[in-house]
PDB file of N, CA and C in Angstrom:
ATOM      1  N   GLU A   1      -2.038  17.108  16.798  1.00  0.00           N
ATOM      2  CA  GLU A   1      -1.462  16.593  15.571  1.00  0.00           C
ATOM      3  C   GLU A   1      -0.399  15.552  15.924  1.00  0.00           C
ATOM      4  N   PHE A   2      -0.336  14.494  15.156  1.00  0.00           N
ATOM      5  CA  PHE A   2       0.656  13.436  15.336  1.00  0.00           C
ATOM      6  C   PHE A   2       1.557  13.404  14.118  1.00  0.00           C
ATOM      7  N   PHE A   3       2.855  13.256  14.340  1.00  0.00           N
ATOM      8  CA  PHE A   3       3.817  13.131  13.247  1.00  0.00           C
ATOM      9  C   PHE A   3       4.863  12.110  13.646  1.00  0.00           C
ATOM     10  N   GLN A   4       5.183  11.208  12.740  1.00  0.00           N
ATOM     11  CA  GLN A   4       6.212  10.198  12.996  1.00  0.00           C
ATOM     12  C   GLN A   4       7.097  10.088  11.777  1.00  0.00           C
ATOM     13  N   SER A   5       8.394  10.015  12.022  1.00  0.00           N
ATOM     14  CA  SER A   5       9.348   9.791  10.942  1.00  0.00           C
ATOM     15  C   SER A   5      10.592   9.132  11.511  1.00  0.00           C
ATOM     16  N   ASN A   6      11.221   8.322  10.708  1.00  0.00           N
ATOM     17  CA  ASN A   6      12.508   7.723  11.067  1.00  0.00           C
ATOM     18  C   ASN A   6      13.663   8.495  10.444  1.00  0.00           C
ATOM     19  N   HIS A   7      13.366   9.631   9.832  1.00  0.00           N
ATOM     20  CA  HIS A   7      14.375  10.394   9.107  1.00  0.00           C
ATOM     21  C   HIS A   7      14.685  11.702   9.831  1.00  0.00           C
ATOM     22  N   GLU A   8      15.937  11.861  10.177  1.00  0.00           N
ATOM     23  CA  GLU A   8      16.382  13.016  10.942  1.00  0.00           C
ATOM     24  C   GLU A   8      15.962  14.337  10.295  1.00  0.00           C
ATOM     25  N   GLY A   9      16.193  14.480   9.004  1.00  0.00           N
ATOM     26  CA  GLY A   9      15.868  15.728   8.319  1.00  0.00           C
ATOM     27  C   GLY A   9      14.392  16.062   8.361  1.00  0.00           C
ATOM     28  N   GLU A  10      13.545  15.044   8.248  1.00  0.00           N
ATOM     29  CA  GLU A  10      12.102  15.277   8.328  1.00  0.00           C
ATOM     30  C   GLU A  10      11.707  15.765   9.718  1.00  0.00           C
ATOM     31  N   LEU A  11      12.338  15.215  10.751  1.00  0.00           N
ATOM     32  CA  LEU A  11      12.046  15.654  12.121  1.00  0.00           C
ATOM     33  C   LEU A  11      12.490  17.096  12.330  1.00  0.00           C
ATOM     34  N   VAL A  12      13.677  17.421  11.839  1.00  0.00           N
ATOM     35  CA  VAL A  12      14.182  18.790  11.955  1.00  0.00           C
ATOM     36  C   VAL A  12      13.253  19.762  11.229  1.00  0.00           C
ATOM     37  N   ASP A  13      12.833  19.401  10.019  1.00  0.00           N
ATOM     38  CA  ASP A  13      11.910  20.257   9.259  1.00  0.00           C
ATOM     39  C   ASP A  13      10.575  20.424   9.979  1.00  0.00           C
ATOM     40  N   LYS A  14      10.071  19.353  10.595  1.00  0.00           N
ATOM     41  CA  LYS A  14       8.786  19.424  11.307  1.00  0.00           C
ATOM     42  C   LYS A  14       8.894  20.332  12.525  1.00  0.00           C
ATOM     43  N   ILE A  15       9.992  20.225  13.255  1.00  0.00           N
ATOM     44  CA  ILE A  15      10.192  21.097  14.416  1.00  0.00           C
ATOM     45  C   ILE A  15      10.194  22.553  13.974  1.00  0.00           C
ATOM     46  N   SER A  16      10.861  22.849  12.882  1.00  0.00           N
ATOM     47  CA  SER A  16      10.891  24.213  12.348  1.00  0.00           C
ATOM     48  C   SER A  16       9.491  24.684  11.952  1.00  0.00           C
ATOM     49  N   ALA A  17       8.737  23.818  11.297  1.00  0.00           N
ATOM     50  CA  ALA A  17       7.371  24.172  10.888  1.00  0.00           C
ATOM     51  C   ALA A  17       6.481  24.411  12.100  1.00  0.00           C
ATOM     52  N   LEU A  18       6.633  23.603  13.137  1.00  0.00           N
ATOM     53  CA  LEU A  18       5.828  23.780  14.351  1.00  0.00           C
ATOM     54  C   LEU A  18       6.195  25.078  15.060  1.00  0.00           C
ATOM     55  N   ALA A  19       7.472  25.425  15.035  1.00  0.00           N
ATOM     56  CA  ALA A  19       7.894  26.698  15.622  1.00  0.00           C
ATOM     57  C   ALA A  19       7.283  27.859  14.845  1.00  0.00           C
ATOM     58  N   ASP A  20       7.297  27.763  13.526  1.00  0.00           N
ATOM     59  CA  ASP A  20       6.696  28.816  12.694  1.00  0.00           C
ATOM     60  C   ASP A  20       5.192  28.937  12.950  1.00  0.00           C
ATOM     61  N   ALA A  21       4.548  27.798  13.240  1.00  0.00           N
ATOM     62  CA  ALA A  21       3.106  27.786  13.517  1.00  0.00           C
ATOM     63  C   ALA A  21       2.792  28.232  14.941  1.00  0.00           C
ATOM     64  N   LYS A  22       3.834  28.429  15.734  1.00  0.00           N
ATOM     65  CA  LYS A  22       3.697  28.897  17.117  1.00  0.00           C
ATOM     66  C   LYS A  22       2.805  27.983  17.961  1.00  0.00           C
ATOM     67  N   VAL A  23       3.030  26.670  17.845  1.00  0.00           N
ATOM     68  CA  VAL A  23       2.292  25.731  18.686  1.00  0.00           C
ATOM     69  C   VAL A  23       2.712  25.919  20.139  1.00  0.00           C
ATOM     70  N   ASP A  24       1.869  25.459  21.051  1.00  0.00           N
ATOM     71  CA  ASP A  24       2.131  25.649  22.478  1.00  0.00           C
ATOM     72  C   ASP A  24       3.240  24.760  23.010  1.00  0.00           C
ATOM     73  N   GLY A  25       3.467  23.621  22.392  1.00  0.00           N
ATOM     74  CA  GLY A  25       4.504  22.708  22.860  1.00  0.00           C
ATOM     75  C   GLY A  25       4.458  21.422  22.070  1.00  0.00           C
ATOM     76  N   ILE A  26       5.490  20.605  22.245  1.00  0.00           N
ATOM     77  CA  ILE A  26       5.551  19.322  21.546  1.00  0.00           C
ATOM     78  C   ILE A  26       6.018  18.226  22.489  1.00  0.00           C
ATOM     79  N   VAL A  27       5.603  17.019  22.163  1.00  0.00           N
ATOM     80  CA  VAL A  27       6.092  15.805  22.814  1.00  0.00           C
ATOM     81  C   VAL A  27       6.957  15.114  21.780  1.00  0.00           C
ATOM     82  N   ILE A  28       8.178  14.783  22.154  1.00  0.00           N
ATOM     83  CA  ILE A  28       9.089  14.171  21.188  1.00  0.00           C
ATOM     84  C   ILE A  28       9.744  12.919  21.754  1.00  0.00           C
ATOM     85  N   ASN A  29       9.712  11.875  20.949  1.00  0.00           N
ATOM     86  CA  ASN A  29      10.472  10.662  21.224  1.00  0.00           C
ATOM     87  C   ASN A  29      11.447  10.534  20.062  1.00  0.00           C
ATOM     88  N   GLY A  30      12.658  10.967  20.279  1.00  0.00           N
ATOM     89  CA  GLY A  30      13.669  10.944  19.236  1.00  0.00           C
ATOM     90  C   GLY A  30      14.287   9.582  19.002  1.00  0.00           C
ATOM     91  N   ALA A  31      13.865   8.589  19.803  1.00  0.00           N
ATOM     92  CA  ALA A  31      14.393   7.220  19.693  1.00  0.00           C
ATOM     93  C   ALA A  31      15.921   7.273  19.671  1.00  0.00           C
ATOM     94  N   ALA A  32      16.555   6.527  18.797  1.00  0.00           N
ATOM     95  CA  ALA A  32      18.020   6.464  18.770  1.00  0.00           C
ATOM     96  C   ALA A  32      18.656   7.814  18.452  1.00  0.00           C
ATOM     97  N   LEU A  33      17.931   8.691  17.754  1.00  0.00           N
ATOM     98  CA  LEU A  33      18.480  10.011  17.437  1.00  0.00           C
ATOM     99  C   LEU A  33      18.702  10.849  18.694  1.00  0.00           C
ATOM    100  N   THR A  34      18.011  10.519  19.761  1.00  0.00           N
ATOM    101  CA  THR A  34      18.186  11.206  21.040  1.00  0.00           C
ATOM    102  C   THR A  34      19.647  11.205  21.463  1.00  0.00           C
ATOM    103  N   HIS A  35      20.329  10.114  21.182  1.00  0.00           N
ATOM    104  CA  HIS A  35      21.691   9.906  21.675  1.00  0.00           C
ATOM    105  C   HIS A  35      22.758  10.299  20.662  1.00  0.00           C
ATOM    106  N   THR A  36      22.347  10.633  19.440  1.00  0.00           N
ATOM    107  CA  THR A  36      23.339  10.836  18.379  1.00  0.00           C
ATOM    108  C   THR A  36      23.165  12.112  17.570  1.00  0.00           C
ATOM    109  N   SER A  37      22.006  12.716  17.582  1.00  0.00           N
ATOM    110  CA  SER A  37      21.709  13.775  16.612  1.00  0.00           C
ATOM    111  C   SER A  37      21.893  15.183  17.175  1.00  0.00           C
ATOM    112  N   VAL A  38      22.987  15.792  16.780  1.00  0.00           N
ATOM    113  CA  VAL A  38      23.201  17.197  17.116  1.00  0.00           C
ATOM    114  C   VAL A  38      22.198  18.058  16.344  1.00  0.00           C
ATOM    115  N   ALA A  39      21.847  17.635  15.138  1.00  0.00           N
ATOM    116  CA  ALA A  39      20.876  18.389  14.333  1.00  0.00           C
ATOM    117  C   ALA A  39      19.516  18.459  15.026  1.00  0.00           C
ATOM    118  N   LEU A  40      19.067  17.348  15.598  1.00  0.00           N
ATOM    119  CA  LEU A  40      17.791  17.329  16.315  1.00  0.00           C
ATOM    120  C   LEU A  40      17.866  18.219  17.546  1.00  0.00           C
ATOM    121  N   ARG A  41      18.974  18.130  18.268  1.00  0.00           N
ATOM    122  CA  ARG A  41      19.179  18.964  19.450  1.00  0.00           C
ATOM    123  C   ARG A  41      19.143  20.443  19.074  1.00  0.00           C
ATOM    124  N   ASP A  42      19.870  20.800  18.014  1.00  0.00           N
ATOM    125  CA  ASP A  42      19.929  22.195  17.594  1.00  0.00           C
ATOM    126  C   ASP A  42      18.567  22.699  17.109  1.00  0.00           C
ATOM    127  N   ALA A  43      17.817  21.840  16.429  1.00  0.00           N
ATOM    128  CA  ALA A  43      16.477  22.226  15.973  1.00  0.00           C
ATOM    129  C   ALA A  43      15.580  22.535  17.163  1.00  0.00           C
ATOM    130  N   LEU A  44      15.619  21.685  18.175  1.00  0.00           N
ATOM    131  CA  LEU A  44      14.817  21.925  19.376  1.00  0.00           C
ATOM    132  C   LEU A  44      15.273  23.193  20.086  1.00  0.00           C
ATOM    133  N   ALA A  45      16.582  23.350  20.242  1.00  0.00           N
ATOM    134  CA  ALA A  45      17.118  24.514  20.952  1.00  0.00           C
ATOM    135  C   ALA A  45      16.757  25.812  20.245  1.00  0.00           C
ATOM    136  N   GLY A  46      16.817  25.812  18.935  1.00  0.00           N
ATOM    137  CA  GLY A  46      16.556  27.026  18.180  1.00  0.00           C
ATOM    138  C   GLY A  46      15.096  27.315  17.919  1.00  0.00           C
ATOM    139  N   SER A  47      14.242  26.363  18.242  1.00  0.00           N
ATOM    140  CA  SER A  47      12.821  26.501  17.910  1.00  0.00           C
ATOM    141  C   SER A  47      12.048  27.400  18.867  1.00  0.00           C
ATOM    142  N   GLY A  48      12.508  27.474  20.100  1.00  0.00           N
ATOM    143  CA  GLY A  48      11.749  28.200  21.115  1.00  0.00           C
ATOM    144  C   GLY A  48      10.540  27.435  21.621  1.00  0.00           C
ATOM    145  N   LEU A  49      10.381  26.188  21.169  1.00  0.00           N
ATOM    146  CA  LEU A  49       9.234  25.374  21.578  1.00  0.00           C
ATOM    147  C   LEU A  49       9.449  24.768  22.961  1.00  0.00           C
ATOM    148  N   ARG A  50       8.363  24.648  23.703  1.00  0.00           N
ATOM    149  CA  ARG A  50       8.377  23.874  24.942  1.00  0.00           C
ATOM    150  C   ARG A  50       8.272  22.412  24.519  1.00  0.00           C
ATOM    151  N   ALA A  51       9.312  21.646  24.784  1.00  0.00           N
ATOM    152  CA  ALA A  51       9.347  20.248  24.353  1.00  0.00           C
ATOM    153  C   ALA A  51       9.521  19.335  25.555  1.00  0.00           C
ATOM    154  N   VAL A  52       8.751  18.254  25.564  1.00  0.00           N
ATOM    155  CA  VAL A  52       8.910  17.201  26.566  1.00  0.00           C
ATOM    156  C   VAL A  52       9.417  15.965  25.830  1.00  0.00           C
ATOM    157  N   GLU A  53      10.556  15.470  26.265  1.00  0.00           N
ATOM    158  CA  GLU A  53      11.159  14.270  25.684  1.00  0.00           C
ATOM    159  C   GLU A  53      10.578  13.040  26.369  1.00  0.00           C
ATOM    160  N   VAL A  54      10.154  12.065  25.574  1.00  0.00           N
ATOM    161  CA  VAL A  54       9.554  10.840  26.107  1.00  0.00           C
ATOM    162  C   VAL A  54      10.308   9.630  25.578  1.00  0.00           C
ATOM    163  N   HIS A  55      10.542   8.680  26.466  1.00  0.00           N
ATOM    164  CA  HIS A  55      11.084   7.367  26.090  1.00  0.00           C
ATOM    165  C   HIS A  55      10.177   6.310  26.695  1.00  0.00           C
ATOM    166  N   ILE A  56       9.716   5.391  25.881  1.00  0.00           N
ATOM    167  CA  ILE A  56       8.826   4.332  26.355  1.00  0.00           C
ATOM    168  C   ILE A  56       9.536   3.465  27.385  1.00  0.00           C
ATOM    169  N   SER A  57      10.776   3.106  27.091  1.00  0.00           N
ATOM    170  CA  SER A  57      11.553   2.281  28.024  1.00  0.00           C
ATOM    171  C   SER A  57      12.363   3.186  28.948  1.00  0.00           C
ATOM    172  N   ASN A  58      12.859   2.610  30.020  1.00  0.00           N
ATOM    173  CA  ASN A  58      13.751   3.330  30.918  1.00  0.00           C
ATOM    174  C   ASN A  58      15.145   3.279  30.300  1.00  0.00           C
ATOM    175  N   ILE A  59      15.584   4.387  29.713  1.00  0.00           N
ATOM    176  CA  ILE A  59      16.864   4.390  29.010  1.00  0.00           C
ATOM    177  C   ILE A  59      18.033   4.104  29.946  1.00  0.00           C
ATOM    178  N   TYR A  60      17.858   4.288  31.237  1.00  0.00           N
ATOM    179  CA  TYR A  60      18.938   4.046  32.194  1.00  0.00           C
ATOM    180  C   TYR A  60      19.054   2.577  32.587  1.00  0.00           C
ATOM    181  N   LYS A  61      18.121   1.753  32.137  1.00  0.00           N
ATOM    182  CA  LYS A  61      18.197   0.305  32.347  1.00  0.00           C
ATOM    183  C   LYS A  61      18.663  -0.397  31.074  1.00  0.00           C
ATOM    184  N   ARG A  62      19.054   0.393  30.095  1.00  0.00           N
ATOM    185  CA  ARG A  62      19.484  -0.146  28.805  1.00  0.00           C
ATOM    186  C   ARG A  62      20.991   0.052  28.635  1.00  0.00           C
ATOM    187  N   GLU A  63      21.468  -0.098  27.440  1.00  0.00           N
ATOM    188  CA  GLU A  63      22.899   0.012  27.176  1.00  0.00           C
ATOM    189  C   GLU A  63      23.432   1.375  27.618  1.00  0.00           C
ATOM    190  N   GLU A  64      24.687   1.381  28.007  1.00  0.00           N
ATOM    191  CA  GLU A  64      25.329   2.594  28.525  1.00  0.00           C
ATOM    192  C   GLU A  64      25.218   3.771  27.548  1.00  0.00           C
ATOM    193  N   PHE A  65      25.387   3.517  26.252  1.00  0.00           N
ATOM    194  CA  PHE A  65      25.360   4.623  25.289  1.00  0.00           C
ATOM    195  C   PHE A  65      23.994   5.300  25.229  1.00  0.00           C
ATOM    196  N   ARG A  66      22.950   4.631  25.703  1.00  0.00           N
ATOM    197  CA  ARG A  66      21.613   5.231  25.702  1.00  0.00           C
ATOM    198  C   ARG A  66      21.373   6.131  26.916  1.00  0.00           C
ATOM    199  N   HIS A  67      22.289   6.152  27.846  1.00  0.00           N
ATOM    200  CA  HIS A  67      22.119   6.949  29.059  1.00  0.00           C
ATOM    201  C   HIS A  67      22.324   8.437  28.803  1.00  0.00           C
ATOM    202  N   LYS A  68      22.966   8.797  27.705  1.00  0.00           N
ATOM    203  CA  LYS A  68      23.236  10.198  27.383  1.00  0.00           C
ATOM    204  C   LYS A  68      22.244  10.683  26.331  1.00  0.00           C
ATOM    205  N   SER A  69      21.491  11.697  26.685  1.00  0.00           N
ATOM    206  CA  SER A  69      20.552  12.309  25.743  1.00  0.00           C
ATOM    207  C   SER A  69      21.097  13.669  25.331  1.00  0.00           C
ATOM    208  N   LEU A  70      21.294  13.849  24.040  1.00  0.00           N
ATOM    209  CA  LEU A  70      21.729  15.154  23.543  1.00  0.00           C
ATOM    210  C   LEU A  70      20.590  16.164  23.570  1.00  0.00           C
ATOM    211  N   THR A  71      19.364  15.674  23.518  1.00  0.00           N
ATOM    212  CA  THR A  71      18.207  16.565  23.432  1.00  0.00           C
ATOM    213  C   THR A  71      17.630  16.964  24.796  1.00  0.00           C
ATOM    214  N   ALA A  72      17.857  16.168  25.820  1.00  0.00           N
ATOM    215  CA  ALA A  72      17.273  16.451  27.137  1.00  0.00           C
ATOM    216  C   ALA A  72      17.594  17.851  27.663  1.00  0.00           C
ATOM    217  N   PRO A  73      18.823  18.350  27.519  1.00  0.00           N
ATOM    218  CA  PRO A  73      19.116  19.676  28.063  1.00  0.00           C
ATOM    219  C   PRO A  73      18.326  20.825  27.431  1.00  0.00           C
ATOM    220  N   VAL A  74      17.747  20.607  26.261  1.00  0.00           N
ATOM    221  CA  VAL A  74      16.976  21.678  25.614  1.00  0.00           C
ATOM    222  C   VAL A  74      15.469  21.433  25.706  1.00  0.00           C
ATOM    223  N   CYS A  75      15.075  20.419  26.460  1.00  0.00           N
ATOM    224  CA  CYS A  75      13.661  20.130  26.715  1.00  0.00           C
ATOM    225  C   CYS A  75      13.292  20.618  28.107  1.00  0.00           C
ATOM    226  N   ILE A  76      12.010  20.877  28.326  1.00  0.00           N
ATOM    227  CA  ILE A  76      11.580  21.348  29.648  1.00  0.00           C
ATOM    228  C   ILE A  76      11.386  20.197  30.618  1.00  0.00           C
ATOM    229  N   ALA A  77      11.274  18.966  30.104  1.00  0.00           N
ATOM    230  CA  ALA A  77      11.113  17.787  30.950  1.00  0.00           C
ATOM    231  C   ALA A  77      11.465  16.546  30.140  1.00  0.00           C
ATOM    232  N   VAL A  78      11.802  15.484  30.865  1.00  0.00           N
ATOM    233  CA  VAL A  78      12.076  14.180  30.255  1.00  0.00           C
ATOM    234  C   VAL A  78      11.294  13.133  31.033  1.00  0.00           C
ATOM    235  N   ILE A  79      10.579  12.284  30.304  1.00  0.00           N
ATOM    236  CA  ILE A  79       9.819  11.189  30.914  1.00  0.00           C
ATOM    237  C   ILE A  79      10.349   9.899  30.320  1.00  0.00           C
ATOM    238  N   THR A  80      10.762   8.991  31.176  1.00  0.00           N
ATOM    239  CA  THR A  80      11.358   7.746  30.693  1.00  0.00           C
ATOM    240  C   THR A  80      10.847   6.561  31.496  1.00  0.00           C
ATOM    241  N   GLY A  81      10.544   5.486  30.788  1.00  0.00           N
ATOM    242  CA  GLY A  81      10.202   4.238  31.450  1.00  0.00           C
ATOM    243  C   GLY A  81       8.751   4.048  31.840  1.00  0.00           C
ATOM    244  N   LEU A  82       7.857   4.914  31.420  1.00  0.00           N
ATOM    245  CA  LEU A  82       6.443   4.772  31.777  1.00  0.00           C
ATOM    246  C   LEU A  82       5.634   4.069  30.696  1.00  0.00           C
ATOM    247  N   GLY A  83       6.303   3.555  29.680  1.00  0.00           N
ATOM    248  CA  GLY A  83       5.581   2.949  28.569  1.00  0.00           C
ATOM    249  C   GLY A  83       4.790   4.017  27.835  1.00  0.00           C
ATOM    250  N   LEU A  84       3.689   3.615  27.234  1.00  0.00           N
ATOM    251  CA  LEU A  84       2.869   4.568  26.482  1.00  0.00           C
ATOM    252  C   LEU A  84       2.262   5.644  27.370  1.00  0.00           C
ATOM    253  N   GLU A  85       2.117   5.369  28.661  1.00  0.00           N
ATOM    254  CA  GLU A  85       1.594   6.361  29.603  1.00  0.00           C
ATOM    255  C   GLU A  85       2.460   7.616  29.616  1.00  0.00           C
ATOM    256  N   GLY A  86       3.722   7.484  29.267  1.00  0.00           N
ATOM    257  CA  GLY A  86       4.613   8.637  29.219  1.00  0.00           C
ATOM    258  C   GLY A  86       4.133   9.723  28.275  1.00  0.00           C
ATOM    259  N   TYR A  87       3.513   9.328  27.167  1.00  0.00           N
ATOM    260  CA  TYR A  87       2.979  10.317  26.225  1.00  0.00           C
ATOM    261  C   TYR A  87       1.829  11.104  26.848  1.00  0.00           C
ATOM    262  N   PHE A  88       0.950  10.407  27.548  1.00  0.00           N
ATOM    263  CA  PHE A  88      -0.171  11.081  28.218  1.00  0.00           C
ATOM    264  C   PHE A  88       0.344  12.018  29.307  1.00  0.00           C
ATOM    265  N   ALA A  89       1.340  11.558  30.056  1.00  0.00           N
ATOM    266  CA  ALA A  89       1.931  12.391  31.103  1.00  0.00           C
ATOM    267  C   ALA A  89       2.561  13.646  30.505  1.00  0.00           C
ATOM    268  N   ALA A  90       3.205  13.500  29.366  1.00  0.00           N
ATOM    269  CA  ALA A  90       3.834  14.648  28.708  1.00  0.00           C
ATOM    270  C   ALA A  90       2.793  15.669  28.259  1.00  0.00           C
ATOM    271  N   VAL A  91       1.714  15.198  27.674  1.00  0.00           N
ATOM    272  CA  VAL A  91       0.652  16.114  27.234  1.00  0.00           C
ATOM    273  C   VAL A  91       0.031  16.813  28.436  1.00  0.00           C
ATOM    274  N   ARG A  92      -0.231  16.057  29.510  1.00  0.00           N
ATOM    275  CA  ARG A  92      -0.795  16.673  30.719  1.00  0.00           C
ATOM    276  C   ARG A  92       0.139  17.765  31.241  1.00  0.00           C
ATOM    277  N   TYR A  93       1.423  17.497  31.236  1.00  0.00           N
ATOM    278  CA  TYR A  93       2.392  18.480  31.719  1.00  0.00           C
ATOM    279  C   TYR A  93       2.365  19.740  30.848  1.00  0.00           C
ATOM    280  N   LEU A  94       2.325  19.560  29.545  1.00  0.00           N
ATOM    281  CA  LEU A  94       2.294  20.717  28.642  1.00  0.00           C
ATOM    282  C   LEU A  94       1.025  21.549  28.809  1.00  0.00           C
ATOM    283  N   LEU A  95      -0.066  20.910  29.189  1.00  0.00           N
ATOM    284  CA  LEU A  95      -1.338  21.618  29.355  1.00  0.00           C
ATOM    285  C   LEU A  95      -1.408  22.431  30.644  1.00  0.00           C
ATOM    286  N   LYS A  96      -0.492  22.195  31.576  1.00  0.00           N
ATOM    287  CA  LYS A  96      -0.494  22.944  32.839  1.00  0.00           C
ATOM    288  C   LYS A  96      -0.141  24.397  32.616  1.00  0.00           C
TER     289      LYS A  96
END
């Protein structure tokens, strides 16, 4: 299943719904919310879901404020800078 939203509340609600559905894991690209959203972090932490955080670009080659991810500590892995291949790598990792 694919889900995309630019709205923090919709992402939080989706994470909760996926936890209730007991999915095996999720791939998440929180975009700018990665660096700012305590709500997104708390939703992931409280969900019990295995989550892999993906960033298309290498966040460490970008602005300093993008170097800190609030969500990374509650994810099982972080993939950054692989472009779209990062999504495939995340799914492969979750399938192991």
